Amino acid sequence: MKEYRGARGALHLMQVALFIAAALLSAAAIRFLDRWELIMWIVVSVFAGCAFIIGLICLPLFFRNLRCYASESRVTVLSGILFMRQQSIRLERVQFVQIVTGPFDGIFGMNFIVLHVYGGQLLIPFLYTDDRYEIVGTLERGGVFHAS
């Protein structure tokens, strides 16, 4: 059974996008709420605080706890921040597989594998490109094939 971790590039991309969104929303608040200075600073503080808490505390904790284990018979994903969630699927139960990649998947690790089973699905998120190929190879050796 091999362990896979979340791609650090995806973490950094999400942090940068979060801080840019917070900065743009803060700039809009400064522009449109300039008549009500107290409300403007409260809104800007809320945006900055949320970006700080989510970007520098929650996201790194999530990525630190994100793990995937793949063997010839089973795939297990562990994730969570305060409460750990474990999902496991036997490969013989998989109906079909989706592989989702982004335009910069090799740089940022925005690769996802979705295993569909009767009654649910298992998402394997934020994979490095090499890890995605390894997991797909493991799935194929376990008898699960995907459309190319």
N, C-alpha and C. Protein backbone atom coordinates (compact mmCIF):
# COMPACT_ATOMS: atom_id res chain seq x y z
N MET A 1 0.86 -1.17 0.00
CA MET A 1 0.00 0.00 0.00
C MET A 1 0.90 1.23 0.00
N LYS A 2 0.67 2.11 -0.96
CA LYS A 2 1.49 3.31 -1.09
C LYS A 2 0.71 4.53 -0.62
N GLU A 3 1.42 5.45 0.01
CA GLU A 3 0.80 6.68 0.51
C GLU A 3 1.07 7.84 -0.46
N TYR A 4 0.03 8.64 -0.70
CA TYR A 4 0.14 9.84 -1.53
C TYR A 4 -0.32 11.03 -0.70
N ARG A 5 0.34 12.16 -0.89
CA ARG A 5 0.02 13.38 -0.15
C ARG A 5 -0.50 14.44 -1.12
N GLY A 6 -1.18 15.45 -0.58
CA GLY A 6 -1.67 16.55 -1.41
C GLY A 6 -0.52 17.38 -1.96
N ALA A 7 -0.68 17.88 -3.18
CA ALA A 7 0.36 18.66 -3.84
C ALA A 7 0.49 20.04 -3.19
N ARG A 8 1.69 20.41 -2.84
CA ARG A 8 1.93 21.70 -2.19
C ARG A 8 1.67 22.86 -3.15
N GLY A 9 1.86 22.64 -4.44
CA GLY A 9 1.57 23.68 -5.42
C GLY A 9 0.10 24.09 -5.41
N ALA A 10 -0.79 23.12 -5.19
CA ALA A 10 -2.22 23.43 -5.11
C ALA A 10 -2.51 24.28 -3.88
N LEU A 11 -1.84 23.97 -2.76
CA LEU A 11 -2.00 24.78 -1.55
C LEU A 11 -1.58 26.21 -1.80
N HIS A 12 -0.42 26.40 -2.41
CA HIS A 12 0.08 27.76 -2.66
C HIS A 12 -0.81 28.50 -3.66
N LEU A 13 -1.30 27.82 -4.67
CA LEU A 13 -2.21 28.44 -5.64
C LEU A 13 -3.49 28.90 -4.95
N MET A 14 -4.05 28.06 -4.09
CA MET A 14 -5.28 28.43 -3.39
C MET A 14 -5.04 29.59 -2.42
N GLN A 15 -3.88 29.61 -1.77
CA GLN A 15 -3.57 30.72 -0.86
C GLN A 15 -3.45 32.03 -1.63
N VAL A 16 -2.74 32.01 -2.74
CA VAL A 16 -2.58 33.23 -3.55
C VAL A 16 -3.93 33.70 -4.07
N ALA A 17 -4.75 32.78 -4.58
CA ALA A 17 -6.07 33.16 -5.09
C ALA A 17 -6.94 33.74 -3.98
N LEU A 18 -6.86 33.18 -2.79
CA LEU A 18 -7.64 33.67 -1.66
C LEU A 18 -7.21 35.07 -1.27
N PHE A 19 -5.91 35.32 -1.21
CA PHE A 19 -5.42 36.65 -0.83
C PHE A 19 -5.73 37.69 -1.90
N ILE A 20 -5.66 37.31 -3.16
CA ILE A 20 -6.04 38.24 -4.24
C ILE A 20 -7.52 38.57 -4.16
N ALA A 21 -8.37 37.56 -3.93
CA ALA A 21 -9.81 37.80 -3.81
C ALA A 21 -10.11 38.71 -2.61
N ALA A 22 -9.43 38.48 -1.49
CA ALA A 22 -9.64 39.33 -0.31
C ALA A 22 -9.19 40.76 -0.58
N ALA A 23 -8.08 40.91 -1.30
CA ALA A 23 -7.59 42.26 -1.62
C ALA A 23 -8.56 42.98 -2.56
N LEU A 24 -9.09 42.27 -3.55
CA LEU A 24 -10.04 42.89 -4.48
C LEU A 24 -11.35 43.26 -3.77
N LEU A 25 -11.83 42.39 -2.91
CA LEU A 25 -13.04 42.70 -2.16
C LEU A 25 -12.81 43.86 -1.20
N SER A 26 -11.64 43.91 -0.58
CA SER A 26 -11.32 45.04 0.30
C SER A 26 -11.24 46.34 -0.48
N ALA A 27 -10.63 46.30 -1.67
CA ALA A 27 -10.56 47.50 -2.50
C ALA A 27 -11.95 47.96 -2.92
N ALA A 28 -12.83 47.02 -3.25
CA ALA A 28 -14.20 47.39 -3.59
C ALA A 28 -14.92 47.99 -2.40
N ALA A 29 -14.68 47.44 -1.21
CA ALA A 29 -15.31 48.00 0.00
C ALA A 29 -14.80 49.41 0.27
N ILE A 30 -13.52 49.63 0.08
CA ILE A 30 -12.95 50.97 0.28
C ILE A 30 -13.55 51.94 -0.75
N ARG A 31 -13.72 51.48 -1.96
CA ARG A 31 -14.25 52.34 -3.02
C ARG A 31 -15.71 52.70 -2.81
N PHE A 32 -16.54 51.71 -2.43
CA PHE A 32 -17.97 51.93 -2.36
C PHE A 32 -18.49 52.31 -0.97
N LEU A 33 -17.71 52.05 0.05
CA LEU A 33 -18.16 52.37 1.42
C LEU A 33 -17.38 53.53 2.03
N ASP A 34 -16.78 54.37 1.21
CA ASP A 34 -15.94 55.45 1.74
C ASP A 34 -16.74 56.49 2.53
N ARG A 35 -18.03 56.58 2.32
CA ARG A 35 -18.85 57.53 3.08
C ARG A 35 -19.08 57.06 4.51
N TRP A 36 -19.09 55.75 4.70
CA TRP A 36 -19.31 55.18 6.03
C TRP A 36 -18.00 54.52 6.47
N GLU A 37 -17.13 55.32 7.01
CA GLU A 37 -15.77 54.89 7.29
C GLU A 37 -15.70 53.73 8.27
N LEU A 38 -16.51 53.75 9.32
CA LEU A 38 -16.50 52.67 10.31
C LEU A 38 -16.93 51.35 9.68
N ILE A 39 -18.00 51.37 8.91
CA ILE A 39 -18.47 50.15 8.23
C ILE A 39 -17.42 49.67 7.24
N MET A 40 -16.79 50.60 6.53
CA MET A 40 -15.77 50.24 5.55
C MET A 40 -14.63 49.48 6.24
N TRP A 41 -14.14 49.98 7.36
CA TRP A 41 -13.01 49.34 8.04
C TRP A 41 -13.42 48.02 8.67
N ILE A 42 -14.66 47.90 9.09
CA ILE A 42 -15.15 46.61 9.61
C ILE A 42 -15.17 45.58 8.49
N VAL A 43 -15.69 45.97 7.33
CA VAL A 43 -15.75 45.03 6.19
C VAL A 43 -14.35 44.64 5.74
N VAL A 44 -13.45 45.60 5.64
CA VAL A 44 -12.07 45.30 5.24
C VAL A 44 -11.41 44.38 6.26
N SER A 45 -11.65 44.61 7.54
CA SER A 45 -11.08 43.76 8.59
C SER A 45 -11.63 42.34 8.52
N VAL A 46 -12.91 42.20 8.23
CA VAL A 46 -13.50 40.87 8.10
C VAL A 46 -12.88 40.12 6.91
N PHE A 47 -12.74 40.79 5.77
CA PHE A 47 -12.10 40.14 4.61
C PHE A 47 -10.67 39.73 4.93
N ALA A 48 -9.90 40.62 5.54
CA ALA A 48 -8.51 40.30 5.87
C ALA A 48 -8.43 39.17 6.90
N GLY A 49 -9.30 39.22 7.90
CA GLY A 49 -9.29 38.17 8.92
C GLY A 49 -9.66 36.81 8.37
N CYS A 50 -10.68 36.78 7.52
CA CYS A 50 -11.07 35.51 6.91
C CYS A 50 -9.97 34.95 6.02
N ALA A 51 -9.34 35.82 5.23
CA ALA A 51 -8.24 35.37 4.37
C ALA A 51 -7.08 34.85 5.21
N PHE A 52 -6.79 35.51 6.32
CA PHE A 52 -5.70 35.08 7.19
C PHE A 52 -6.02 33.72 7.81
N ILE A 53 -7.21 33.57 8.38
CA ILE A 53 -7.56 32.32 9.06
C ILE A 53 -7.64 31.16 8.07
N ILE A 54 -8.31 31.38 6.95
CA ILE A 54 -8.45 30.30 5.98
C ILE A 54 -7.13 29.99 5.29
N GLY A 55 -6.43 31.05 4.83
CA GLY A 55 -5.22 30.85 4.03
C GLY A 55 -4.01 30.40 4.81
N LEU A 56 -3.87 30.84 6.05
CA LEU A 56 -2.66 30.52 6.80
C LEU A 56 -2.86 29.50 7.91
N ILE A 57 -4.11 29.15 8.19
CA ILE A 57 -4.36 28.16 9.23
C ILE A 57 -5.11 26.95 8.68
N CYS A 58 -6.31 27.18 8.12
CA CYS A 58 -7.17 26.06 7.69
C CYS A 58 -6.60 25.28 6.50
N LEU A 59 -6.22 25.99 5.44
CA LEU A 59 -5.70 25.28 4.26
C LEU A 59 -4.43 24.47 4.56
N PRO A 60 -3.42 25.05 5.25
CA PRO A 60 -2.26 24.21 5.56
C PRO A 60 -2.58 23.00 6.44
N LEU A 61 -3.52 23.16 7.39
CA LEU A 61 -3.92 22.01 8.20
C LEU A 61 -4.60 20.94 7.34
N PHE A 62 -5.46 21.37 6.43
CA PHE A 62 -6.12 20.42 5.55
C PHE A 62 -5.11 19.66 4.70
N PHE A 63 -4.16 20.37 4.10
CA PHE A 63 -3.17 19.71 3.24
C PHE A 63 -2.22 18.84 4.04
N ARG A 64 -1.94 19.21 5.28
CA ARG A 64 -1.07 18.38 6.12
C ARG A 64 -1.75 17.05 6.44
N ASN A 65 -3.08 17.08 6.62
CA ASN A 65 -3.82 15.87 6.99
C ASN A 65 -4.31 15.06 5.80
N LEU A 66 -4.23 15.60 4.59
CA LEU A 66 -4.73 14.92 3.40
C LEU A 66 -3.77 13.81 2.98
N ARG A 67 -4.29 12.58 2.98
CA ARG A 67 -3.49 11.42 2.57
C ARG A 67 -4.37 10.46 1.78
N CYS A 68 -3.74 9.77 0.86
CA CYS A 68 -4.42 8.74 0.07
C CYS A 68 -3.55 7.49 0.08
N TYR A 69 -4.19 6.37 0.29
CA TYR A 69 -3.49 5.08 0.26
C TYR A 69 -4.12 4.25 -0.85
N ALA A 70 -3.28 3.69 -1.70
CA ALA A 70 -3.77 2.86 -2.81
C ALA A 70 -3.05 1.53 -2.79
N SER A 71 -3.84 0.47 -2.89
CA SER A 71 -3.28 -0.87 -3.01
C SER A 71 -3.97 -1.55 -4.18
N GLU A 72 -3.63 -2.79 -4.42
CA GLU A 72 -4.22 -3.53 -5.54
C GLU A 72 -5.69 -3.84 -5.31
N SER A 73 -6.17 -3.73 -4.07
CA SER A 73 -7.56 -4.09 -3.79
C SER A 73 -8.40 -2.96 -3.20
N ARG A 74 -7.79 -1.87 -2.73
CA ARG A 74 -8.52 -0.85 -2.00
C ARG A 74 -7.86 0.52 -2.16
N VAL A 75 -8.70 1.58 -2.16
CA VAL A 75 -8.23 2.96 -2.13
C VAL A 75 -8.86 3.64 -0.93
N THR A 76 -8.04 4.32 -0.14
CA THR A 76 -8.51 5.00 1.06
C THR A 76 -8.03 6.44 1.04
N VAL A 77 -8.93 7.38 1.38
CA VAL A 77 -8.59 8.80 1.45
C VAL A 77 -8.89 9.28 2.87
N LEU A 78 -7.90 9.91 3.51
CA LEU A 78 -8.07 10.53 4.81
C LEU A 78 -7.94 12.03 4.65
N SER A 79 -8.86 12.79 5.24
CA SER A 79 -8.81 14.24 5.16
C SER A 79 -9.52 14.83 6.37
N GLY A 80 -9.31 16.11 6.57
CA GLY A 80 -10.00 16.81 7.65
C GLY A 80 -9.11 17.83 8.32
N ILE A 81 -9.73 18.68 9.11
CA ILE A 81 -8.99 19.68 9.87
C ILE A 81 -9.12 19.38 11.36
N LEU A 82 -10.31 19.52 11.90
CA LEU A 82 -10.54 19.18 13.30
C LEU A 82 -10.97 17.73 13.46
N PHE A 83 -11.78 17.25 12.55
CA PHE A 83 -12.26 15.88 12.56
C PHE A 83 -11.74 15.18 11.32
N MET A 84 -11.12 14.03 11.51
CA MET A 84 -10.59 13.28 10.38
C MET A 84 -11.70 12.43 9.76
N ARG A 85 -11.73 12.45 8.44
CA ARG A 85 -12.70 11.68 7.67
C ARG A 85 -11.94 10.63 6.87
N GLN A 86 -12.38 9.39 6.95
CA GLN A 86 -11.75 8.32 6.20
C GLN A 86 -12.78 7.68 5.29
N GLN A 87 -12.46 7.66 4.00
CA GLN A 87 -13.31 7.00 3.01
C GLN A 87 -12.49 5.91 2.34
N SER A 88 -13.10 4.76 2.18
CA SER A 88 -12.40 3.63 1.60
C SER A 88 -13.31 2.91 0.63
N ILE A 89 -12.73 2.48 -0.48
CA ILE A 89 -13.49 1.77 -1.52
C ILE A 89 -12.68 0.56 -1.97
N ARG A 90 -13.37 -0.58 -2.06
CA ARG A 90 -12.74 -1.76 -2.67
C ARG A 90 -12.81 -1.59 -4.19
N LEU A 91 -11.73 -1.88 -4.86
CA LEU A 91 -11.65 -1.63 -6.30
C LEU A 91 -12.65 -2.47 -7.09
N GLU A 92 -13.04 -3.61 -6.57
CA GLU A 92 -14.01 -4.44 -7.28
C GLU A 92 -15.39 -3.80 -7.34
N ARG A 93 -15.64 -2.79 -6.49
CA ARG A 93 -16.93 -2.10 -6.46
C ARG A 93 -16.99 -0.85 -7.35
N VAL A 94 -15.87 -0.47 -7.93
CA VAL A 94 -15.82 0.75 -8.73
C VAL A 94 -16.51 0.51 -10.07
N GLN A 95 -17.46 1.41 -10.41
CA GLN A 95 -18.17 1.30 -11.67
C GLN A 95 -17.42 2.01 -12.79
N PHE A 96 -16.99 3.26 -12.53
CA PHE A 96 -16.19 3.96 -13.51
C PHE A 96 -15.34 5.03 -12.82
N VAL A 97 -14.38 5.54 -13.57
CA VAL A 97 -13.38 6.46 -13.03
C VAL A 97 -13.38 7.73 -13.88
N GLN A 98 -13.35 8.87 -13.21
CA GLN A 98 -13.16 10.16 -13.89
C GLN A 98 -11.80 10.70 -13.48
N ILE A 99 -11.07 11.21 -14.44
CA ILE A 99 -9.80 11.89 -14.16
C ILE A 99 -9.96 13.34 -14.58
N VAL A 100 -9.81 14.24 -13.63
CA VAL A 100 -10.00 15.66 -13.87
C VAL A 100 -8.66 16.36 -13.73
N THR A 101 -8.24 17.08 -14.77
CA THR A 101 -6.99 17.82 -14.72
C THR A 101 -7.26 19.27 -15.14
N GLY A 102 -6.43 20.16 -14.63
CA GLY A 102 -6.54 21.56 -14.97
C GLY A 102 -5.52 21.96 -16.00
N PRO A 103 -5.53 23.23 -16.44
CA PRO A 103 -4.58 23.66 -17.46
C PRO A 103 -3.13 23.66 -16.97
N PHE A 104 -2.91 23.88 -15.69
CA PHE A 104 -1.54 23.89 -15.14
C PHE A 104 -1.38 22.78 -14.12
N ASP A 105 -1.90 21.60 -14.45
CA ASP A 105 -1.91 20.51 -13.48
C ASP A 105 -0.51 20.05 -13.10
N GLY A 106 0.43 20.11 -14.01
CA GLY A 106 1.79 19.68 -13.70
C GLY A 106 2.50 20.61 -12.74
N ILE A 107 2.19 21.89 -12.79
CA ILE A 107 2.86 22.87 -11.93
C ILE A 107 2.20 22.93 -10.56
N PHE A 108 0.87 22.95 -10.53
CA PHE A 108 0.16 23.21 -9.29
C PHE A 108 -0.45 21.98 -8.64
N GLY A 109 -0.44 20.84 -9.29
CA GLY A 109 -1.01 19.65 -8.68
C GLY A 109 -2.52 19.67 -8.62
N MET A 110 -3.14 20.25 -9.62
CA MET A 110 -4.61 20.31 -9.65
C MET A 110 -5.15 19.11 -10.43
N ASN A 111 -4.82 17.92 -9.97
CA ASN A 111 -5.27 16.67 -10.56
C ASN A 111 -6.21 15.99 -9.57
N PHE A 112 -7.32 15.48 -10.09
CA PHE A 112 -8.30 14.82 -9.25
C PHE A 112 -8.71 13.51 -9.91
N ILE A 113 -8.94 12.50 -9.10
CA ILE A 113 -9.49 11.24 -9.58
C ILE A 113 -10.78 11.00 -8.81
N VAL A 114 -11.86 10.72 -9.53
CA VAL A 114 -13.14 10.43 -8.90
C VAL A 114 -13.50 8.98 -9.21
N LEU A 115 -13.63 8.18 -8.16
CA LEU A 115 -14.04 6.79 -8.30
C LEU A 115 -15.54 6.71 -8.00
N HIS A 116 -16.31 6.29 -8.98
CA HIS A 116 -17.76 6.19 -8.82
C HIS A 116 -18.12 4.75 -8.48
N VAL A 117 -18.87 4.59 -7.42
CA VAL A 117 -19.38 3.28 -7.01
C VAL A 117 -20.88 3.39 -6.85
N TYR A 118 -21.54 2.27 -6.75
CA TYR A 118 -22.99 2.29 -6.55
C TYR A 118 -23.31 3.01 -5.24
N GLY A 119 -24.04 4.12 -5.34
CA GLY A 119 -24.45 4.85 -4.15
C GLY A 119 -23.50 5.93 -3.70
N GLY A 120 -22.43 6.18 -4.42
CA GLY A 120 -21.52 7.23 -3.98
C GLY A 120 -20.30 7.38 -4.86
N GLN A 121 -19.38 8.16 -4.35
CA GLN A 121 -18.14 8.38 -5.08
C GLN A 121 -17.03 8.71 -4.09
N LEU A 122 -15.81 8.53 -4.53
CA LEU A 122 -14.63 8.84 -3.73
C LEU A 122 -13.76 9.78 -4.55
N LEU A 123 -13.49 10.95 -4.00
CA LEU A 123 -12.66 11.95 -4.65
C LEU A 123 -11.25 11.85 -4.08
N ILE A 124 -10.29 11.70 -4.97
CA ILE A 124 -8.87 11.75 -4.58
C ILE A 124 -8.34 13.08 -5.09
N PRO A 125 -8.19 14.08 -4.20
CA PRO A 125 -7.90 15.45 -4.65
C PRO A 125 -6.42 15.81 -4.64
N PHE A 126 -6.09 16.85 -5.40
CA PHE A 126 -4.81 17.54 -5.37
C PHE A 126 -3.62 16.61 -5.50
N LEU A 127 -3.58 15.87 -6.60
CA LEU A 127 -2.50 14.93 -6.83
C LEU A 127 -1.42 15.53 -7.71
N TYR A 128 -0.18 15.17 -7.43
CA TYR A 128 0.90 15.47 -8.36
C TYR A 128 0.65 14.65 -9.63
N THR A 129 1.17 15.09 -10.76
CA THR A 129 0.95 14.38 -12.02
C THR A 129 1.50 12.96 -11.96
N ASP A 130 2.70 12.78 -11.41
CA ASP A 130 3.28 11.44 -11.31
C ASP A 130 2.43 10.53 -10.41
N ASP A 131 1.92 11.10 -9.32
CA ASP A 131 1.07 10.32 -8.42
C ASP A 131 -0.23 9.91 -9.11
N ARG A 132 -0.77 10.81 -9.94
CA ARG A 132 -1.98 10.48 -10.68
C ARG A 132 -1.74 9.28 -11.58
N TYR A 133 -0.60 9.28 -12.29
CA TYR A 133 -0.29 8.16 -13.18
C TYR A 133 -0.08 6.87 -12.38
N GLU A 134 0.56 6.96 -11.22
CA GLU A 134 0.76 5.78 -10.39
C GLU A 134 -0.56 5.20 -9.90
N ILE A 135 -1.47 6.08 -9.44
CA ILE A 135 -2.75 5.61 -8.95
C ILE A 135 -3.57 5.00 -10.08
N VAL A 136 -3.55 5.62 -11.26
CA VAL A 136 -4.26 5.06 -12.41
C VAL A 136 -3.68 3.69 -12.76
N GLY A 137 -2.36 3.55 -12.70
CA GLY A 137 -1.73 2.25 -12.95
C GLY A 137 -2.15 1.22 -11.92
N THR A 138 -2.22 1.63 -10.66
CA THR A 138 -2.68 0.72 -9.60
C THR A 138 -4.13 0.31 -9.83
N LEU A 139 -4.96 1.27 -10.24
CA LEU A 139 -6.36 0.95 -10.54
C LEU A 139 -6.47 -0.04 -11.69
N GLU A 140 -5.66 0.17 -12.73
CA GLU A 140 -5.71 -0.73 -13.88
C GLU A 140 -5.23 -2.13 -13.51
N ARG A 141 -4.19 -2.21 -12.66
CA ARG A 141 -3.75 -3.54 -12.21
C ARG A 141 -4.81 -4.21 -11.34
N GLY A 142 -5.66 -3.42 -10.68
CA GLY A 142 -6.75 -3.95 -9.88
C GLY A 142 -7.99 -4.25 -10.69
N GLY A 143 -7.95 -4.02 -12.00
CA GLY A 143 -9.08 -4.34 -12.86
C GLY A 143 -10.01 -3.18 -13.15
N VAL A 144 -9.64 -1.98 -12.74
CA VAL A 144 -10.48 -0.79 -12.99
C VAL A 144 -9.83 0.00 -14.13
N PHE A 145 -10.59 0.21 -15.20
CA PHE A 145 -10.06 0.93 -16.34
C PHE A 145 -10.85 2.22 -16.54
N HIS A 146 -10.23 3.19 -17.16
CA HIS A 146 -10.88 4.48 -17.44
C HIS A 146 -10.76 4.77 -18.92
N ALA A 147 -11.60 5.65 -19.39
CA ALA A 147 -11.52 6.08 -20.81
C ALA A 147 -10.38 7.05 -20.97
N SER A 148 -9.62 6.90 -22.01
CA SER A 148 -8.48 7.80 -22.24
C SER A 148 -8.90 8.99 -23.04
